[in-house]
Full PDB file with SEQRES, HELIX, SHEET, SSBOND, CRYST1, ORIGX, SCALE, CONECT and MASTER records, all heavy atoms in Angstrom:
SEQRES   1 A   36  ASP GLY ASP ARG LEU ASP GLY MET VAL GLY THR ARG ARG          
SEQRES   2 A   36  HIS GLN GLY VAL VAL ALA ARG VAL ASP ALA ARG ARG ARG          
SEQRES   3 A   36  GLU LEU LYS LEU ALA ASP VAL LEU ASP SER                      
HELIX    1 AA1 GLY A    2  VAL A    9  1                                   8    
HELIX    2 AA2 LEU A   30  ASP A   35  1                                   6    
CRYST1    1.000    1.000    1.000  90.00  90.00  90.00 P 1           1          
ORIGX1      1.000000  0.000000  0.000000        0.00000                         
ORIGX2      0.000000  1.000000  0.000000        0.00000                         
ORIGX3      0.000000  0.000000  1.000000        0.00000                         
SCALE1      1.000000  0.000000  0.000000        0.00000                         
SCALE2      0.000000  1.000000  0.000000        0.00000                         
SCALE3      0.000000  0.000000  1.000000        0.00000                         
ATOM      1  N   ASP A   1      38.066 -99.525-269.900  1.00  0.00           N  
ATOM      2  CA  ASP A   1      37.070 -98.595-270.435  1.00  0.00           C  
ATOM      3  C   ASP A   1      36.147 -98.126-269.303  1.00  0.00           C  
ATOM      4  O   ASP A   1      36.119 -98.695-268.213  1.00  0.00           O  
ATOM      5  CB  ASP A   1      36.275 -99.220-271.577  1.00  0.00           C  
ATOM      6  CG  ASP A   1      35.521-100.484-271.177  1.00  0.00           C  
ATOM      7  OD1 ASP A   1      35.061-100.563-270.024  1.00  0.00           O  
ATOM      8  OD2 ASP A   1      35.377-101.386-272.022  1.00  0.00           O  
ATOM      9  N   GLY A   2      35.408 -97.071-269.590  1.00  0.00           N  
ATOM     10  CA  GLY A   2      34.551 -96.468-268.570  1.00  0.00           C  
ATOM     11  C   GLY A   2      33.497 -97.399-268.030  1.00  0.00           C  
ATOM     12  O   GLY A   2      33.155 -97.345-266.844  1.00  0.00           O  
ATOM     13  N   ASP A   3      32.952 -98.279-268.881  1.00  0.00           N  
ATOM     14  CA  ASP A   3      31.904 -99.195-268.436  1.00  0.00           C  
ATOM     15  C   ASP A   3      32.412-100.127-267.338  1.00  0.00           C  
ATOM     16  O   ASP A   3      31.684-100.449-266.393  1.00  0.00           O  
ATOM     17  CB  ASP A   3      31.370-100.015-269.608  1.00  0.00           C  
ATOM     18  CG  ASP A   3      30.550 -99.175-270.584  1.00  0.00           C  
ATOM     19  OD1 ASP A   3      30.088 -98.095-270.164  1.00  0.00           O  
ATOM     20  OD2 ASP A   3      30.381 -99.600-271.735  1.00  0.00           O  
ATOM     21  N   ARG A   4      33.663-100.565-267.469  1.00  0.00           N  
ATOM     22  CA  ARG A   4      34.199-101.461-266.443  1.00  0.00           C  
ATOM     23  C   ARG A   4      34.349-100.717-265.121  1.00  0.00           C  
ATOM     24  O   ARG A   4      34.061-101.261-264.051  1.00  0.00           O  
ATOM     25  CB  ARG A   4      35.550-102.038-266.874  1.00  0.00           C  
ATOM     26  CG  ARG A   4      36.088-103.032-265.848  1.00  0.00           C  
ATOM     27  CD  ARG A   4      37.374-103.681-266.281  1.00  0.00           C  
ATOM     28  NE  ARG A   4      37.881-104.542-265.218  1.00  0.00           N  
ATOM     29  CZ  ARG A   4      39.079-105.121-265.246  1.00  0.00           C  
ATOM     30  NH1 ARG A   4      39.886-104.930-266.282  1.00  0.00           N  
ATOM     31  NH2 ARG A   4      39.475-105.881-264.250  1.00  0.00           N  
ATOM     32  N   LEU A   5      34.781 -99.464-265.194  1.00  0.00           N  
ATOM     33  CA  LEU A   5      34.905 -98.678-263.973  1.00  0.00           C  
ATOM     34  C   LEU A   5      33.533 -98.473-263.329  1.00  0.00           C  
ATOM     35  O   LEU A   5      33.401 -98.537-262.101  1.00  0.00           O  
ATOM     36  CB  LEU A   5      35.557 -97.324-264.275  1.00  0.00           C  
ATOM     37  CG  LEU A   5      37.004 -97.352-264.744  1.00  0.00           C  
ATOM     38  CD1 LEU A   5      37.500 -95.930-265.020  1.00  0.00           C  
ATOM     39  CD2 LEU A   5      37.895 -98.026-263.709  1.00  0.00           C  
ATOM     40  N   ASP A   6      32.504 -98.244-264.156  1.00  0.00           N  
ATOM     41  CA  ASP A   6      31.139 -98.096-263.638  1.00  0.00           C  
ATOM     42  C   ASP A   6      30.757 -99.331-262.821  1.00  0.00           C  
ATOM     43  O   ASP A   6      30.195 -99.228-261.728  1.00  0.00           O  
ATOM     44  CB  ASP A   6      30.133 -97.931-264.784  1.00  0.00           C  
ATOM     45  CG  ASP A   6      30.344 -96.646-265.578  1.00  0.00           C  
ATOM     46  OD1 ASP A   6      31.125 -95.796-265.124  1.00  0.00           O  
ATOM     47  OD2 ASP A   6      29.728 -96.515-266.646  1.00  0.00           O  
ATOM     48  N   GLY A   7      31.050-100.501-263.381  1.00  0.00           N  
ATOM     49  CA  GLY A   7      30.684-101.739-262.712  1.00  0.00           C  
ATOM     50  C   GLY A   7      31.487-101.991-261.450  1.00  0.00           C  
ATOM     51  O   GLY A   7      30.985-102.582-260.493  1.00  0.00           O  
ATOM     52  N   MET A   8      32.738-101.532-261.426  1.00  0.00           N  
ATOM     53  CA  MET A   8      33.600-101.766-260.269  1.00  0.00           C  
ATOM     54  C   MET A   8      33.119-101.012-259.034  1.00  0.00           C  
ATOM     55  O   MET A   8      33.183-101.516-257.922  1.00  0.00           O  
ATOM     56  CB  MET A   8      35.043-101.370-260.590  1.00  0.00           C  
ATOM     57  CG  MET A   8      35.738-102.284-261.577  1.00  0.00           C  
ATOM     58  SD  MET A   8      37.321-101.619-262.161  1.00  0.00           S  
ATOM     59  CE  MET A   8      38.253-101.636-260.635  1.00  0.00           C  
ATOM     60  N   VAL A   9      32.657 -99.773-259.237  1.00  0.00           N  
ATOM     61  CA  VAL A   9      32.301 -98.939-258.080  1.00  0.00           C  
ATOM     62  C   VAL A   9      30.821 -98.607-258.002  1.00  0.00           C  
ATOM     63  O   VAL A   9      30.378 -97.945-257.060  1.00  0.00           O  
ATOM     64  CB  VAL A   9      33.136 -97.633-258.062  1.00  0.00           C  
ATOM     65  CG1 VAL A   9      34.601 -97.961-257.888  1.00  0.00           C  
ATOM     66  CG2 VAL A   9      32.926 -96.817-259.339  1.00  0.00           C  
ATOM     67  N   GLY A  10      30.040 -99.050-258.993  1.00  0.00           N  
ATOM     68  CA  GLY A  10      28.595 -98.850-258.928  1.00  0.00           C  
ATOM     69  C   GLY A  10      28.123 -97.448-259.176  1.00  0.00           C  
ATOM     70  O   GLY A  10      27.010 -97.075-258.790  1.00  0.00           O  
ATOM     71  N   THR A  11      28.948 -96.641-259.829  1.00  0.00           N  
ATOM     72  CA  THR A  11      28.566 -95.268-260.139  1.00  0.00           C  
ATOM     73  C   THR A  11      29.390 -94.781-261.314  1.00  0.00           C  
ATOM     74  O   THR A  11      30.475 -95.316-261.591  1.00  0.00           O  
ATOM     75  CB  THR A  11      28.795 -94.333-258.931  1.00  0.00           C  
ATOM     76  OG1 THR A  11      28.480 -92.976-259.314  1.00  0.00           O  
ATOM     77  CG2 THR A  11      30.238 -94.383-258.463  1.00  0.00           C  
ATOM     78  N   ARG A  12      28.885 -93.771-262.006  1.00  0.00           N  
ATOM     79  CA  ARG A  12      29.646 -93.165-263.099  1.00  0.00           C  
ATOM     80  C   ARG A  12      30.435 -91.949-262.639  1.00  0.00           C  
ATOM     81  O   ARG A  12      31.085 -91.283-263.449  1.00  0.00           O  
ATOM     82  CB  ARG A  12      28.692 -92.771-264.225  1.00  0.00           C  
ATOM     83  CG  ARG A  12      28.017 -93.967-264.901  1.00  0.00           C  
ATOM     84  CD  ARG A  12      27.231 -93.551-266.118  1.00  0.00           C  
ATOM     85  NE  ARG A  12      26.664 -94.711-266.801  1.00  0.00           N  
ATOM     86  CZ  ARG A  12      25.983 -94.641-267.940  1.00  0.00           C  
ATOM     87  NH1 ARG A  12      25.791 -93.465-268.517  1.00  0.00           N  
ATOM     88  NH2 ARG A  12      25.506 -95.747-268.499  1.00  0.00           N  
ATOM     89  N   ARG A  13      30.431 -91.681-261.353  1.00  0.00           N  
ATOM     90  CA  ARG A  13      31.082 -90.475-260.838  1.00  0.00           C  
ATOM     91  C   ARG A  13      32.525 -90.742-260.406  1.00  0.00           C  
ATOM     92  O   ARG A  13      33.046 -90.097-259.520  1.00  0.00           O  
ATOM     93  CB  ARG A  13      30.268 -89.927-259.670  1.00  0.00           C  
ATOM     94  CG  ARG A  13      28.837 -89.589-260.058  1.00  0.00           C  
ATOM     95  CD  ARG A  13      28.044 -89.027-258.917  1.00  0.00           C  
ATOM     96  NE  ARG A  13      28.568 -87.742-258.484  1.00  0.00           N  
ATOM     97  CZ  ARG A  13      28.080 -87.048-257.458  1.00  0.00           C  
ATOM     98  NH1 ARG A  13      27.084 -87.537-256.757  1.00  0.00           N  
ATOM     99  NH2 ARG A  13      28.599 -85.885-257.123  1.00  0.00           N  
ATOM    100  N   HIS A  14      33.168 -91.695-261.055  1.00  0.00           N  
ATOM    101  CA  HIS A  14      34.540 -92.058-260.677  1.00  0.00           C  
ATOM    102  C   HIS A  14      35.593 -91.180-261.348  1.00  0.00           C  
ATOM    103  O   HIS A  14      36.771 -91.250-261.007  1.00  0.00           O  
ATOM    104  CB  HIS A  14      34.808 -93.516-261.039  1.00  0.00           C  
ATOM    105  CG  HIS A  14      34.323 -93.895-262.397  1.00  0.00           C  
ATOM    106  ND1 HIS A  14      34.888 -93.415-263.564  1.00  0.00           N  
ATOM    107  CD2 HIS A  14      33.301 -94.704-262.787  1.00  0.00           C  
ATOM    108  CE1 HIS A  14      34.253 -93.914-264.603  1.00  0.00           C  
ATOM    109  NE2 HIS A  14      33.273 -94.696-264.174  1.00  0.00           N  
ATOM    110  N   GLN A  15      35.190 -90.373-262.338  1.00  0.00           N  
ATOM    111  CA  GLN A  15      36.084 -89.458-263.069  1.00  0.00           C  
ATOM    112  C   GLN A  15      37.158 -90.196-263.879  1.00  0.00           C  
ATOM    113  O   GLN A  15      38.150 -89.608-264.282  1.00  0.00           O  
ATOM    114  CB  GLN A  15      36.749 -88.459-262.113  1.00  0.00           C  
ATOM    115  CG  GLN A  15      35.760 -87.599-261.363  1.00  0.00           C  
ATOM    116  CD  GLN A  15      36.430 -86.695-260.360  1.00  0.00           C  
ATOM    117  OE1 GLN A  15      37.280 -87.135-259.600  1.00  0.00           O  
ATOM    118  NE2 GLN A  15      36.066 -85.434-260.362  1.00  0.00           N  
ATOM    119  N   GLY A  16      36.948 -91.482-264.068  1.00  0.00           N  
ATOM    120  CA  GLY A  16      37.891 -92.229-264.884  1.00  0.00           C  
ATOM    121  C   GLY A  16      39.086 -92.778-264.139  1.00  0.00           C  
ATOM    122  O   GLY A  16      40.059 -93.230-264.752  1.00  0.00           O  
ATOM    123  N   VAL A  17      39.032 -92.786-262.814  1.00  0.00           N  
ATOM    124  CA  VAL A  17      40.150 -93.324-262.038  1.00  0.00           C  
ATOM    125  C   VAL A  17      39.621 -94.045-260.799  1.00  0.00           C  
ATOM    126  O   VAL A  17      38.799 -93.505-260.050  1.00  0.00           O  
ATOM    127  CB  VAL A  17      41.149 -92.210-261.658  1.00  0.00           C  
ATOM    128  CG1 VAL A  17      40.477 -91.127-260.827  1.00  0.00           C  
ATOM    129  CG2 VAL A  17      42.347 -92.766-260.913  1.00  0.00           C  
ATOM    130  N   VAL A  18      40.103 -95.281-260.600  1.00  0.00           N  
ATOM    131  CA  VAL A  18      39.703 -96.105-259.460  1.00  0.00           C  
ATOM    132  C   VAL A  18      40.958 -96.789-258.927  1.00  0.00           C  
ATOM    133  O   VAL A  18      41.815 -97.235-259.707  1.00  0.00           O  
ATOM    134  CB  VAL A  18      38.661 -97.175-259.867  1.00  0.00           C  
ATOM    135  CG1 VAL A  18      38.386 -98.140-258.713  1.00  0.00           C  
ATOM    136  CG2 VAL A  18      37.372 -96.516-260.334  1.00  0.00           C  
ATOM    137  N   ALA A  19      41.089 -96.879-257.617  1.00  0.00           N  
ATOM    138  CA  ALA A  19      42.227 -97.565-257.014  1.00  0.00           C  
ATOM    139  C   ALA A  19      41.732 -98.679-256.098  1.00  0.00           C  
ATOM    140  O   ALA A  19      40.753 -98.503-255.369  1.00  0.00           O  
ATOM    141  CB  ALA A  19      43.091 -96.593-256.231  1.00  0.00           C  
ATOM    142  N   ARG A  20      42.415 -99.808-256.151  1.00  0.00           N  
ATOM    143  CA  ARG A  20      42.150-100.891-255.198  1.00  0.00           C  
ATOM    144  C   ARG A  20      43.173-100.756-254.082  1.00  0.00           C  
ATOM    145  O   ARG A  20      44.378-100.796-254.326  1.00  0.00           O  
ATOM    146  CB  ARG A  20      42.263-102.264-255.859  1.00  0.00           C  
ATOM    147  CG  ARG A  20      41.829-103.415-254.952  1.00  0.00           C  
ATOM    148  CD  ARG A  20      41.713-104.723-255.738  1.00  0.00           C  
ATOM    149  NE  ARG A  20      43.018-105.223-256.161  1.00  0.00           N  
ATOM    150  CZ  ARG A  20      43.794-106.014-255.403  1.00  0.00           C  
ATOM    151  NH1 ARG A  20      43.409-106.361-254.187  1.00  0.00           N  
ATOM    152  NH2 ARG A  20      44.944-106.435-255.861  1.00  0.00           N  
ATOM    153  N   VAL A  21      42.679-100.549-252.857  1.00  0.00           N  
ATOM    154  CA  VAL A  21      43.568-100.221-251.745  1.00  0.00           C  
ATOM    155  C   VAL A  21      43.409-101.223-250.607  1.00  0.00           C  
ATOM    156  O   VAL A  21      42.416-101.951-250.514  1.00  0.00           O  
ATOM    157  CB  VAL A  21      43.293 -98.793-251.215  1.00  0.00           C  
ATOM    158  CG1 VAL A  21      43.471 -97.767-252.323  1.00  0.00           C  
ATOM    159  CG2 VAL A  21      41.893 -98.692-250.623  1.00  0.00           C  
ATOM    160  N   ASP A  22      44.389-101.212-249.730  1.00  0.00           N  
ATOM    161  CA  ASP A  22      44.373-102.064-248.545  1.00  0.00           C  
ATOM    162  C   ASP A  22      43.496-101.406-247.488  1.00  0.00           C  
ATOM    163  O   ASP A  22      43.803-100.318-247.002  1.00  0.00           O  
ATOM    164  CB  ASP A  22      45.806-102.232-248.020  1.00  0.00           C  
ATOM    165  CG  ASP A  22      45.897-103.233-246.876  1.00  0.00           C  
ATOM    166  OD1 ASP A  22      44.839-103.710-246.425  1.00  0.00           O  
ATOM    167  OD2 ASP A  22      47.015-103.517-246.434  1.00  0.00           O  
ATOM    168  N   ALA A  23      42.405-102.055-247.121  1.00  0.00           N  
ATOM    169  CA  ALA A  23      41.476-101.505-246.126  1.00  0.00           C  
ATOM    170  C   ALA A  23      41.825-101.950-244.714  1.00  0.00           C  
ATOM    171  O   ALA A  23      41.166-101.542-243.753  1.00  0.00           O  
ATOM    172  CB  ALA A  23      40.047-101.911-246.449  1.00  0.00           C  
ATOM    173  N   ARG A  24      42.861-102.761-244.570  1.00  0.00           N  
ATOM    174  CA  ARG A  24      43.186-103.299-243.250  1.00  0.00           C  
ATOM    175  C   ARG A  24      44.091-102.342-242.486  1.00  0.00           C  
ATOM    176  O   ARG A  24      45.254-102.605-242.207  1.00  0.00           O  
ATOM    177  CB  ARG A  24      43.876-104.650-243.386  1.00  0.00           C  
ATOM    178  CG  ARG A  24      43.018-105.720-244.023  1.00  0.00           C  
ATOM    179  CD  ARG A  24      43.838-106.958-244.295  1.00  0.00           C  
ATOM    180  NE  ARG A  24      44.941-106.649-245.210  1.00  0.00           N  
ATOM    181  CZ  ARG A  24      45.933-107.495-245.471  1.00  0.00           C  
ATOM    182  NH1 ARG A  24      45.982-108.675-244.884  1.00  0.00           N  
ATOM    183  NH2 ARG A  24      46.894-107.152-246.317  1.00  0.00           N  
ATOM    184  N   ARG A  25      43.548-101.212-242.134  1.00  0.00           N  
ATOM    185  CA  ARG A  25      44.314-100.236-241.371  1.00  0.00           C  
ATOM    186  C   ARG A  25      44.176-100.514-239.876  1.00  0.00           C  
ATOM    187  O   ARG A  25      43.172-101.056-239.426  1.00  0.00           O  
ATOM    188  CB  ARG A  25      43.804 -98.820-241.637  1.00  0.00           C  
ATOM    189  CG  ARG A  25      44.061 -98.326-243.045  1.00  0.00           C  
ATOM    190  CD  ARG A  25      43.544 -96.916-243.153  1.00  0.00           C  
ATOM    191  NE  ARG A  25      43.863 -96.328-244.440  1.00  0.00           N  
ATOM    192  CZ  ARG A  25      43.565 -95.083-244.753  1.00  0.00           C  
ATOM    193  NH1 ARG A  25      42.935 -94.311-243.889  1.00  0.00           N  
ATOM    194  NH2 ARG A  25      43.874 -94.602-245.931  1.00  0.00           N  
ATOM    195  N   ARG A  26      45.167-100.102-239.137  1.00  0.00           N  
ATOM    196  CA  ARG A  26      45.063-100.193-237.693  1.00  0.00           C  
ATOM    197  C   ARG A  26      43.911 -99.319-237.226  1.00  0.00           C  
ATOM    198  O   ARG A  26      43.817 -98.157-237.600  1.00  0.00           O  
ATOM    199  CB  ARG A  26      46.373 -99.709-237.058  1.00  0.00           C  
ATOM    200  CG  ARG A  26      46.335 -99.594-235.562  1.00  0.00           C  
ATOM    201  CD  ARG A  26      47.715 -99.134-235.061  1.00  0.00           C  
ATOM    202  NE  ARG A  26      47.656 -98.745-233.673  1.00  0.00           N  
ATOM    203  CZ  ARG A  26      47.372 -97.529-233.253  1.00  0.00           C  
ATOM    204  NH1 ARG A  26      47.083 -96.583-234.122  1.00  0.00           N  
ATOM    205  NH2 ARG A  26      47.355 -97.225-231.971  1.00  0.00           N  
ATOM    206  N   GLU A  27      43.030 -99.891-236.428  1.00  0.00           N  
ATOM    207  CA  GLU A  27      41.865 -99.138-235.968  1.00  0.00           C  
ATOM    208  C   GLU A  27      42.306 -98.054-234.989  1.00  0.00           C  
ATOM    209  O   GLU A  27      42.939 -98.332-233.973  1.00  0.00           O  
ATOM    210  CB  GLU A  27      40.859-100.066-235.289  1.00  0.00           C  
ATOM    211  CG  GLU A  27      39.575 -99.360-234.921  1.00  0.00           C  
ATOM    212  CD  GLU A  27      38.531-100.316-234.375  1.00  0.00           C  
ATOM    213  OE1 GLU A  27      38.763-101.537-234.403  1.00  0.00           O  
ATOM    214  OE2 GLU A  27      37.489 -99.829-233.907  1.00  0.00           O  
ATOM    215  N   LEU A  28      41.970 -96.825-235.312  1.00  0.00           N  
ATOM    216  CA  LEU A  28      42.369 -95.696-234.482  1.00  0.00           C  
ATOM    217  C   LEU A  28      41.435 -95.584-233.289  1.00  0.00           C  
ATOM    218  O   LEU A  28      40.211 -95.637-233.424  1.00  0.00           O  
ATOM    219  CB  LEU A  28      42.327 -94.413-235.309  1.00  0.00           C  
ATOM    220  CG  LEU A  28      42.916 -93.161-234.685  1.00  0.00           C  
ATOM    221  CD1 LEU A  28      44.420 -93.328-234.488  1.00  0.00           C  
ATOM    222  CD2 LEU A  28      42.636 -91.956-235.576  1.00  0.00           C  
ATOM    223  N   LYS A  29      41.993 -95.418-232.115  1.00  0.00           N  
ATOM    224  CA  LYS A  29      41.220 -95.276-230.887  1.00  0.00           C  
ATOM    225  C   LYS A  29      41.143 -93.803-230.491  1.00  0.00           C  
ATOM    226  O   LYS A  29      42.030 -93.012-230.814  1.00  0.00           O  
ATOM    227  CB  LYS A  29      41.862 -96.070-229.753  1.00  0.00           C  
ATOM    228  CG  LYS A  29      42.037 -97.556-230.040  1.00  0.00           C  
ATOM    229  CD  LYS A  29      40.710 -98.279-230.136  1.00  0.00           C  
ATOM    230  CE  LYS A  29      40.910 -99.781-230.294  1.00  0.00           C  
ATOM    231  NZ  LYS A  29      39.623-100.488-230.470  1.00  0.00           N  
ATOM    232  N   LEU A  30      40.088 -93.459-229.761  1.00  0.00           N  
ATOM    233  CA  LEU A  30      39.946 -92.094-229.276  1.00  0.00           C  
ATOM    234  C   LEU A  30      41.129 -91.716-228.397  1.00  0.00           C  
ATOM    235  O   LEU A  30      41.637 -90.587-228.465  1.00  0.00           O  
ATOM    236  CB  LEU A  30      38.631 -91.941-228.506  1.00  0.00           C  
ATOM    237  CG  LEU A  30      38.348 -90.555-227.924  1.00  0.00           C  
ATOM    238  CD1 LEU A  30      38.327 -89.495-229.011  1.00  0.00           C  
ATOM    239  CD2 LEU A  30      37.014 -90.560-227.178  1.00  0.00           C  
ATOM    240  N   ALA A  31      41.593 -92.649-227.586  1.00  0.00           N  
ATOM    241  CA  ALA A  31      42.741 -92.379-226.708  1.00  0.00           C  
ATOM    242  C   ALA A  31      43.981 -92.000-227.513  1.00  0.00           C  
ATOM    243  O   ALA A  31      44.788 -91.168-227.064  1.00  0.00           O  
ATOM    244  CB  ALA A  31      43.025 -93.588-225.825  1.00  0.00           C  
ATOM    245  N   ASP A  32      44.133 -92.589-228.708  1.00  0.00           N  
ATOM    246  CA  ASP A  32      45.277 -92.255-229.556  1.00  0.00           C  
ATOM    247  C   ASP A  32      45.257 -90.776-229.923  1.00  0.00           C  
ATOM    248  O   ASP A  32      46.293 -90.099-229.934  1.00  0.00           O  
ATOM    249  CB  ASP A  32      45.262 -93.089-230.840  1.00  0.00           C  
ATOM    250  CG  ASP A  32      45.410 -94.576-230.573  1.00  0.00           C  
ATOM    251  OD1 ASP A  32      46.055 -94.926-229.572  1.00  0.00           O  
ATOM    252  OD2 ASP A  32      44.880 -95.374-231.353  1.00  0.00           O  
ATOM    253  N   VAL A  33      44.062 -90.278-230.251  1.00  0.00           N  
ATOM    254  CA  VAL A  33      43.916 -88.871-230.625  1.00  0.00           C  
ATOM    255  C   VAL A  33      44.154 -87.968-229.414  1.00  0.00           C  
ATOM    256  O   VAL A  33      44.914 -86.994-229.487  1.00  0.00           O  
ATOM    257  CB  VAL A  33      42.516 -88.604-231.209  1.00  0.00           C  
ATOM    258  CG1 VAL A  33      42.305 -87.109-231.454  1.00  0.00           C  
ATOM    259  CG2 VAL A  33      42.328 -89.387-232.497  1.00  0.00           C  
ATOM    260  N   LEU A  34      43.537 -88.301-228.297  1.00  0.00           N  
ATOM    261  CA  LEU A  34      43.669 -87.463-227.108  1.00  0.00           C  
ATOM    262  C   LEU A  34      45.108 -87.404-226.617  1.00  0.00           C  
ATOM    263  O   LEU A  34      45.584 -86.350-226.169  1.00  0.00           O  
ATOM    264  CB  LEU A  34      42.748 -87.991-225.996  1.00  0.00           C  
ATOM    265  CG  LEU A  34      41.240 -88.005-226.323  1.00  0.00           C  
ATOM    266  CD1 LEU A  34      40.451 -88.552-225.148  1.00  0.00           C  
ATOM    267  CD2 LEU A  34      40.751 -86.618-226.707  1.00  0.00           C  
ATOM    268  N   ASP A  35      45.820 -88.513-226.729  1.00  0.00           N  
ATOM    269  CA  ASP A  35      47.208 -88.547-226.264  1.00  0.00           C  
ATOM    270  C   ASP A  35      48.152 -87.769-227.169  1.00  0.00           C  
ATOM    271  O   ASP A  35      49.248 -87.388-226.740  1.00  0.00           O  
ATOM    272  CB  ASP A  35      47.698 -89.999-226.167  1.00  0.00           C  
ATOM    273  CG  ASP A  35      47.031 -90.773-225.037  1.00  0.00           C  
ATOM    274  OD1 ASP A  35      46.442 -90.125-224.154  1.00  0.00           O  
ATOM    275  OD2 ASP A  35      47.077 -92.011-225.050  1.00  0.00           O  
ATOM    276  N   SER A  36      47.744 -87.549-228.406  1.00  0.00           N  
ATOM    277  CA  SER A  36      48.632 -86.886-229.362  1.00  0.00           C  
ATOM    278  C   SER A  36      48.419 -85.380-229.454  1.00  0.00           C  
ATOM    279  O   SER A  36      49.149 -84.691-230.172  1.00  0.00           O  
ATOM    280  CB  SER A  36      48.442 -87.503-230.756  1.00  0.00           C  
ATOM    281  OG  SER A  36      47.149 -87.211-231.263  1.00  0.00           O  
TER     282      SER A  36                                                      
MASTER        0    0    0    2    0    0    0    6  281    1    0    3          
END                                                                             
């Protein structure tokens, strides 16, 4: 229900959809961008 989503993300502006995602991404370096 919407109330649970409110509590999960601390706002009512979630539009009724929330995803739990993997935040452990490889940290992008500036050199990676410049080289590409």
